Amino acid sequence: MNTHIRLPEKAIPLLRYLEEHGQRTQRELIEALDLPTRTVRYSIRRLLERSLIMKIPNLEDMRSVFYHISPEVADVETIIAEELAIQAGN
């Protein structure tokens, strides 16, 4: 897992939301979290780079994909706690 990429602050609620609610499209994440499109896109990109989430095709609408927590992620809360500790140190 690529852990040297720091997560943006808004990636944390996005990660928690996916853990609690399961796979979602980008549009669903934008609406549910009430965040700007650019912020969600950036957070998704960083989470993908860290291999914390995966994307799978949306078979009902091939123009979009679903994002979900990667199977390799054992404990989302531990990852979030580590990230918050790093952010607090800066």
N, C-alpha and C. Protein backbone atom coordinates (compact mmCIF):
# COMPACT_ATOMS: atom_id res chain seq x y z
N MET A 1 0.84 -1.17 0.00
CA MET A 1 0.00 0.00 0.00
C MET A 1 0.89 1.24 0.00
N ASN A 2 0.55 2.20 -0.81
CA ASN A 2 1.33 3.42 -0.92
C ASN A 2 0.89 4.38 0.18
N THR A 3 1.69 4.48 1.25
CA THR A 3 1.27 5.27 2.40
C THR A 3 1.93 6.64 2.48
N HIS A 4 2.85 6.97 1.56
CA HIS A 4 3.51 8.26 1.66
C HIS A 4 2.67 9.41 1.12
N ILE A 5 1.60 9.14 0.45
CA ILE A 5 0.71 10.18 -0.07
C ILE A 5 -0.25 10.60 1.04
N ARG A 6 -0.15 11.85 1.48
CA ARG A 6 -1.07 12.33 2.52
C ARG A 6 -2.45 12.52 1.95
N LEU A 7 -3.42 12.25 2.77
CA LEU A 7 -4.81 12.41 2.34
C LEU A 7 -5.27 13.84 2.59
N PRO A 8 -6.06 14.38 1.67
CA PRO A 8 -6.67 15.69 1.95
C PRO A 8 -7.67 15.55 3.09
N GLU A 9 -7.91 16.64 3.79
CA GLU A 9 -8.80 16.64 4.96
C GLU A 9 -10.18 16.06 4.63
N LYS A 10 -10.73 16.40 3.47
CA LYS A 10 -12.09 15.96 3.10
C LYS A 10 -12.15 14.50 2.67
N ALA A 11 -11.00 13.86 2.50
CA ALA A 11 -11.00 12.44 2.14
C ALA A 11 -11.43 11.57 3.32
N ILE A 12 -11.23 12.08 4.52
CA ILE A 12 -11.57 11.29 5.71
C ILE A 12 -13.07 11.07 5.84
N PRO A 13 -13.92 12.12 5.76
CA PRO A 13 -15.36 11.84 5.81
C PRO A 13 -15.83 10.99 4.62
N LEU A 14 -15.18 11.15 3.48
CA LEU A 14 -15.53 10.35 2.31
C LEU A 14 -15.25 8.87 2.58
N LEU A 15 -14.10 8.59 3.15
CA LEU A 15 -13.73 7.22 3.48
C LEU A 15 -14.68 6.62 4.51
N ARG A 16 -15.00 7.42 5.52
CA ARG A 16 -15.96 6.95 6.55
C ARG A 16 -17.33 6.67 5.93
N TYR A 17 -17.76 7.54 5.04
CA TYR A 17 -19.08 7.38 4.40
C TYR A 17 -19.11 6.07 3.60
N LEU A 18 -18.06 5.79 2.85
CA LEU A 18 -18.02 4.54 2.08
C LEU A 18 -18.02 3.33 3.00
N GLU A 19 -17.33 3.45 4.13
CA GLU A 19 -17.31 2.33 5.07
C GLU A 19 -18.71 2.07 5.64
N GLU A 20 -19.41 3.13 5.96
CA GLU A 20 -20.73 3.00 6.59
C GLU A 20 -21.85 2.64 5.60
N HIS A 21 -21.74 3.15 4.36
CA HIS A 21 -22.85 3.02 3.42
C HIS A 21 -22.56 2.13 2.22
N GLY A 22 -21.35 1.62 2.10
CA GLY A 22 -21.02 0.76 0.96
C GLY A 22 -20.74 1.55 -0.30
N GLN A 23 -20.65 0.85 -1.40
CA GLN A 23 -20.25 1.48 -2.65
C GLN A 23 -21.19 2.59 -3.09
N ARG A 24 -20.58 3.65 -3.64
CA ARG A 24 -21.33 4.82 -4.10
C ARG A 24 -20.66 5.38 -5.35
N THR A 25 -21.45 6.10 -6.15
CA THR A 25 -20.89 6.81 -7.30
C THR A 25 -20.34 8.16 -6.82
N GLN A 26 -19.57 8.79 -7.68
CA GLN A 26 -19.05 10.12 -7.35
C GLN A 26 -20.20 11.09 -7.09
N ARG A 27 -21.20 11.06 -7.92
CA ARG A 27 -22.36 11.96 -7.76
C ARG A 27 -23.03 11.72 -6.40
N GLU A 28 -23.20 10.46 -6.01
CA GLU A 28 -23.81 10.16 -4.71
C GLU A 28 -22.96 10.69 -3.56
N LEU A 29 -21.64 10.59 -3.69
CA LEU A 29 -20.75 11.09 -2.65
C LEU A 29 -20.83 12.61 -2.55
N ILE A 30 -20.86 13.28 -3.70
CA ILE A 30 -20.97 14.74 -3.72
C ILE A 30 -22.24 15.19 -3.02
N GLU A 31 -23.34 14.54 -3.34
CA GLU A 31 -24.63 14.92 -2.75
C GLU A 31 -24.71 14.57 -1.27
N ALA A 32 -24.26 13.37 -0.91
CA ALA A 32 -24.37 12.93 0.48
C ALA A 32 -23.48 13.75 1.41
N LEU A 33 -22.30 14.10 0.95
CA LEU A 33 -21.34 14.81 1.80
C LEU A 33 -21.43 16.33 1.63
N ASP A 34 -22.23 16.77 0.67
CA ASP A 34 -22.41 18.19 0.40
C ASP A 34 -21.06 18.88 0.21
N LEU A 35 -20.25 18.30 -0.67
CA LEU A 35 -18.93 18.84 -0.97
C LEU A 35 -18.86 19.24 -2.44
N PRO A 36 -17.98 20.18 -2.79
CA PRO A 36 -17.81 20.55 -4.19
C PRO A 36 -17.28 19.37 -5.01
N THR A 37 -17.65 19.33 -6.27
CA THR A 37 -17.22 18.26 -7.18
C THR A 37 -15.70 18.13 -7.19
N ARG A 38 -15.01 19.26 -7.29
CA ARG A 38 -13.55 19.25 -7.33
C ARG A 38 -12.94 18.62 -6.09
N THR A 39 -13.50 18.91 -4.95
CA THR A 39 -13.01 18.37 -3.68
C THR A 39 -13.18 16.86 -3.64
N VAL A 40 -14.33 16.38 -4.07
CA VAL A 40 -14.58 14.93 -4.07
C VAL A 40 -13.67 14.24 -5.08
N ARG A 41 -13.51 14.82 -6.26
CA ARG A 41 -12.61 14.22 -7.26
C ARG A 41 -11.19 14.11 -6.74
N TYR A 42 -10.70 15.17 -6.12
CA TYR A 42 -9.35 15.18 -5.59
C TYR A 42 -9.20 14.13 -4.48
N SER A 43 -10.17 14.07 -3.59
CA SER A 43 -10.13 13.08 -2.50
C SER A 43 -10.15 11.66 -3.05
N ILE A 44 -11.00 11.42 -4.04
CA ILE A 44 -11.07 10.08 -4.66
C ILE A 44 -9.72 9.72 -5.28
N ARG A 45 -9.12 10.68 -5.98
CA ARG A 45 -7.82 10.41 -6.62
C ARG A 45 -6.78 10.02 -5.58
N ARG A 46 -6.72 10.76 -4.47
CA ARG A 46 -5.74 10.44 -3.42
C ARG A 46 -6.04 9.09 -2.76
N LEU A 47 -7.30 8.79 -2.52
CA LEU A 47 -7.67 7.50 -1.92
C LEU A 47 -7.33 6.35 -2.86
N LEU A 48 -7.52 6.54 -4.15
CA LEU A 48 -7.15 5.52 -5.13
C LEU A 48 -5.63 5.32 -5.15
N GLU A 49 -4.88 6.42 -5.10
CA GLU A 49 -3.42 6.34 -5.10
C GLU A 49 -2.89 5.59 -3.89
N ARG A 50 -3.58 5.72 -2.77
CA ARG A 50 -3.18 5.02 -1.55
C ARG A 50 -3.75 3.60 -1.49
N SER A 51 -4.52 3.22 -2.51
CA SER A 51 -5.17 1.89 -2.58
C SER A 51 -6.13 1.66 -1.42
N LEU A 52 -6.73 2.74 -0.92
CA LEU A 52 -7.70 2.62 0.15
C LEU A 52 -9.10 2.36 -0.39
N ILE A 53 -9.35 2.80 -1.63
CA ILE A 53 -10.62 2.52 -2.29
C ILE A 53 -10.34 1.94 -3.67
N MET A 54 -11.37 1.34 -4.22
CA MET A 54 -11.31 0.78 -5.58
C MET A 54 -12.50 1.30 -6.35
N LYS A 55 -12.40 1.22 -7.67
CA LYS A 55 -13.56 1.56 -8.47
C LYS A 55 -13.98 0.35 -9.28
N ILE A 56 -15.28 0.19 -9.42
CA ILE A 56 -15.83 -0.90 -10.22
C ILE A 56 -16.88 -0.31 -11.16
N PRO A 57 -17.07 -0.93 -12.31
CA PRO A 57 -18.04 -0.39 -13.26
C PRO A 57 -19.46 -0.39 -12.71
N ASN A 58 -20.21 0.63 -13.08
CA ASN A 58 -21.63 0.69 -12.77
C ASN A 58 -22.34 0.08 -13.97
N LEU A 59 -22.77 -1.14 -13.84
CA LEU A 59 -23.35 -1.86 -14.97
C LEU A 59 -24.69 -1.29 -15.42
N GLU A 60 -25.34 -0.52 -14.56
CA GLU A 60 -26.60 0.10 -14.95
C GLU A 60 -26.39 1.41 -15.70
N ASP A 61 -25.23 2.04 -15.50
CA ASP A 61 -24.91 3.30 -16.16
C ASP A 61 -23.41 3.31 -16.41
N MET A 62 -23.00 2.89 -17.58
CA MET A 62 -21.58 2.72 -17.88
C MET A 62 -20.81 4.04 -17.93
N ARG A 63 -21.49 5.16 -17.79
CA ARG A 63 -20.81 6.45 -17.75
C ARG A 63 -20.23 6.73 -16.37
N SER A 64 -20.62 5.95 -15.38
CA SER A 64 -20.13 6.18 -14.02
C SER A 64 -19.56 4.90 -13.44
N VAL A 65 -18.86 5.06 -12.34
CA VAL A 65 -18.29 3.91 -11.63
C VAL A 65 -18.70 4.01 -10.17
N PHE A 66 -18.61 2.88 -9.48
CA PHE A 66 -18.82 2.85 -8.04
C PHE A 66 -17.45 2.86 -7.37
N TYR A 67 -17.37 3.51 -6.23
CA TYR A 67 -16.18 3.49 -5.39
C TYR A 67 -16.52 2.74 -4.12
N HIS A 68 -15.58 1.93 -3.67
CA HIS A 68 -15.79 1.21 -2.42
C HIS A 68 -14.46 0.95 -1.74
N ILE A 69 -14.51 0.64 -0.46
CA ILE A 69 -13.30 0.37 0.32
C ILE A 69 -12.60 -0.85 -0.26
N SER A 70 -11.29 -0.75 -0.43
CA SER A 70 -10.50 -1.86 -0.96
C SER A 70 -10.54 -3.04 0.00
N PRO A 71 -10.59 -4.26 -0.54
CA PRO A 71 -10.61 -5.44 0.33
C PRO A 71 -9.37 -5.55 1.21
N GLU A 72 -8.24 -4.97 0.78
CA GLU A 72 -7.00 -5.05 1.56
C GLU A 72 -7.05 -4.19 2.82
N VAL A 73 -8.00 -3.27 2.88
CA VAL A 73 -8.09 -2.37 4.04
C VAL A 73 -8.79 -3.11 5.17
N ALA A 74 -8.02 -3.42 6.21
CA ALA A 74 -8.56 -4.20 7.32
C ALA A 74 -9.35 -3.33 8.29
N ASP A 75 -8.83 -2.12 8.55
CA ASP A 75 -9.47 -1.27 9.57
C ASP A 75 -9.41 0.19 9.14
N VAL A 76 -10.51 0.70 8.64
CA VAL A 76 -10.59 2.08 8.17
C VAL A 76 -10.33 3.06 9.30
N GLU A 77 -10.86 2.80 10.48
CA GLU A 77 -10.69 3.73 11.60
C GLU A 77 -9.23 3.88 12.00
N THR A 78 -8.44 2.82 11.92
CA THR A 78 -7.01 2.91 12.23
C THR A 78 -6.31 3.81 11.21
N ILE A 79 -6.63 3.65 9.95
CA ILE A 79 -6.05 4.48 8.90
C ILE A 79 -6.42 5.95 9.13
N ILE A 80 -7.68 6.19 9.46
CA ILE A 80 -8.14 7.56 9.72
C ILE A 80 -7.42 8.15 10.93
N ALA A 81 -7.29 7.37 12.00
CA ALA A 81 -6.61 7.85 13.20
C ALA A 81 -5.15 8.21 12.90
N GLU A 82 -4.47 7.37 12.12
CA GLU A 82 -3.08 7.65 11.74
C GLU A 82 -3.00 8.93 10.92
N GLU A 83 -3.91 9.09 9.99
CA GLU A 83 -3.91 10.27 9.13
C GLU A 83 -4.20 11.53 9.94
N LEU A 84 -5.13 11.46 10.87
CA LEU A 84 -5.43 12.62 11.72
C LEU A 84 -4.23 12.98 12.59
N ALA A 85 -3.51 11.98 13.06
CA ALA A 85 -2.32 12.23 13.88
C ALA A 85 -1.25 12.94 13.06
N ILE A 86 -1.07 12.52 11.82
CA ILE A 86 -0.10 13.15 10.92
C ILE A 86 -0.52 14.60 10.67
N GLN A 87 -1.80 14.82 10.39
CA GLN A 87 -2.28 16.17 10.11
C GLN A 87 -2.15 17.07 11.34
N ALA A 88 -2.36 16.52 12.53
CA ALA A 88 -2.27 17.29 13.76
C ALA A 88 -0.81 17.71 14.04
N GLY A 89 0.12 16.90 13.57
CA GLY A 89 1.53 17.18 13.77
C GLY A 89 2.04 18.31 12.90
N ASN A 90 1.29 18.70 11.89
CA ASN A 90 1.73 19.77 10.97
C ASN A 90 1.07 21.08 11.28
